[in-house]
């Protein structure tokens, strides 16, 4: 994925989903409905690193997008056209 805009979208979506699962009981309820409630003890081992990874991806892609936008903009020379 070379497009920083796509990386930014994936990072923001992943961060929102991981945060939603971390801070609300949505995932616990879904695992209970499916019958996998024994896995709820291990959610912290998966969700917190996933949240950190998606936050890192969002920061990385935002910086990369900002640098790509600054690179392609014409330099201000002070001349009037």
Protein backbone atom coordinates (compact mmCIF):
# COMPACT_ATOMS: atom_id res chain seq x y z
CA UNK A 1 0.00 0.00 0.00
CA UNK A 2 1.81 3.02 -1.23
CA UNK A 3 -1.07 5.47 -0.91
CA UNK A 4 -0.89 7.32 2.44
CA UNK A 5 -4.60 8.16 2.20
CA UNK A 6 -5.50 4.45 2.19
CA UNK A 7 -3.18 3.78 5.12
CA UNK A 8 -4.77 6.65 7.02
CA UNK A 9 -8.26 5.28 6.43
CA UNK A 10 -7.24 1.80 7.59
CA UNK A 11 -5.50 3.24 10.66
CA UNK A 12 -8.47 5.36 11.70
CA UNK A 13 -10.97 2.54 11.10
CA UNK A 14 -8.84 0.04 13.02
CA UNK A 15 -8.30 2.47 15.88
CA UNK A 16 -12.03 3.15 16.13
CA UNK A 17 -12.90 -0.55 16.07
CA UNK A 18 -10.25 -1.53 18.61
CA UNK A 19 -11.23 1.35 20.91
CA UNK A 20 -14.88 0.38 20.64
CA UNK A 21 -14.07 -3.20 21.60
CA UNK A 22 -11.73 -2.10 24.41
CA UNK A 23 -14.00 0.40 26.13
CA UNK A 24 -17.43 -1.20 25.68
CA UNK A 25 -18.68 -4.72 26.40
CA UNK A 26 -19.63 -5.33 22.76
CA UNK A 27 -17.02 -8.01 22.17
CA UNK A 28 -17.73 -9.72 25.49
CA UNK A 29 -21.44 -9.94 24.65
CA UNK A 30 -20.73 -11.23 21.14
CA UNK A 31 -18.38 -13.90 22.44
CA UNK A 32 -20.98 -14.94 25.00
CA UNK A 33 -23.69 -15.22 22.35
CA UNK A 34 -21.48 -17.34 20.12
CA UNK A 35 -20.44 -19.54 23.05
CA UNK A 36 -16.81 -18.51 23.25
CA UNK A 37 -17.05 -16.66 26.55
CA UNK A 38 -13.98 -18.51 27.85
CA UNK A 39 -11.88 -16.30 25.55
CA UNK A 40 -12.86 -13.07 27.30
CA UNK A 41 -9.96 -13.45 29.72
CA UNK A 42 -7.51 -13.12 26.85
CA UNK A 43 -9.03 -10.04 25.21
CA UNK A 44 -6.61 -7.65 26.92
CA UNK A 45 -3.67 -9.52 25.42
CA UNK A 46 -5.05 -8.93 21.92
CA UNK A 47 -7.03 -5.69 22.02
CA UNK A 48 -4.54 -3.40 23.74
CA UNK A 49 -1.62 -4.25 21.40
CA UNK A 50 -4.00 -3.97 18.43
CA UNK A 51 -5.11 -0.54 19.62
CA UNK A 52 -1.49 0.57 20.02
CA UNK A 53 -0.60 -0.78 16.56
CA UNK A 54 -3.51 0.99 14.87
CA UNK A 55 -2.74 4.26 16.67
CA UNK A 56 0.86 3.93 15.47
CA UNK A 57 -0.33 3.24 11.91
CA UNK A 58 -2.59 6.30 12.03
CA UNK A 59 0.25 8.55 13.23
CA UNK A 60 2.67 7.12 10.66
CA UNK A 61 0.27 7.52 7.75
CA UNK A 62 -0.77 11.04 8.82
CA UNK A 63 2.87 12.14 8.88
CA UNK A 64 3.53 10.42 5.57
CA UNK A 65 0.49 12.09 3.98
CA UNK A 66 1.53 15.48 5.34
CA UNK A 67 5.05 15.05 3.94
CA UNK A 68 3.69 13.90 0.57
CA UNK A 69 1.40 16.92 0.40
CA UNK A 70 4.24 19.31 1.31
CA UNK A 71 6.54 17.70 -1.21
CA UNK A 72 4.16 18.18 -4.12
CA UNK A 73 3.16 21.76 -3.37
CA UNK A 74 5.04 24.45 -5.31
CA UNK A 75 7.47 26.50 -3.27
CA UNK A 76 6.48 30.05 -2.47
CA UNK A 77 8.98 32.31 -4.20
CA UNK A 78 7.30 35.61 -3.52
CA UNK A 79 6.76 36.31 -7.22
CA UNK A 80 3.36 37.34 -8.48
CA UNK A 81 2.00 35.53 -11.47
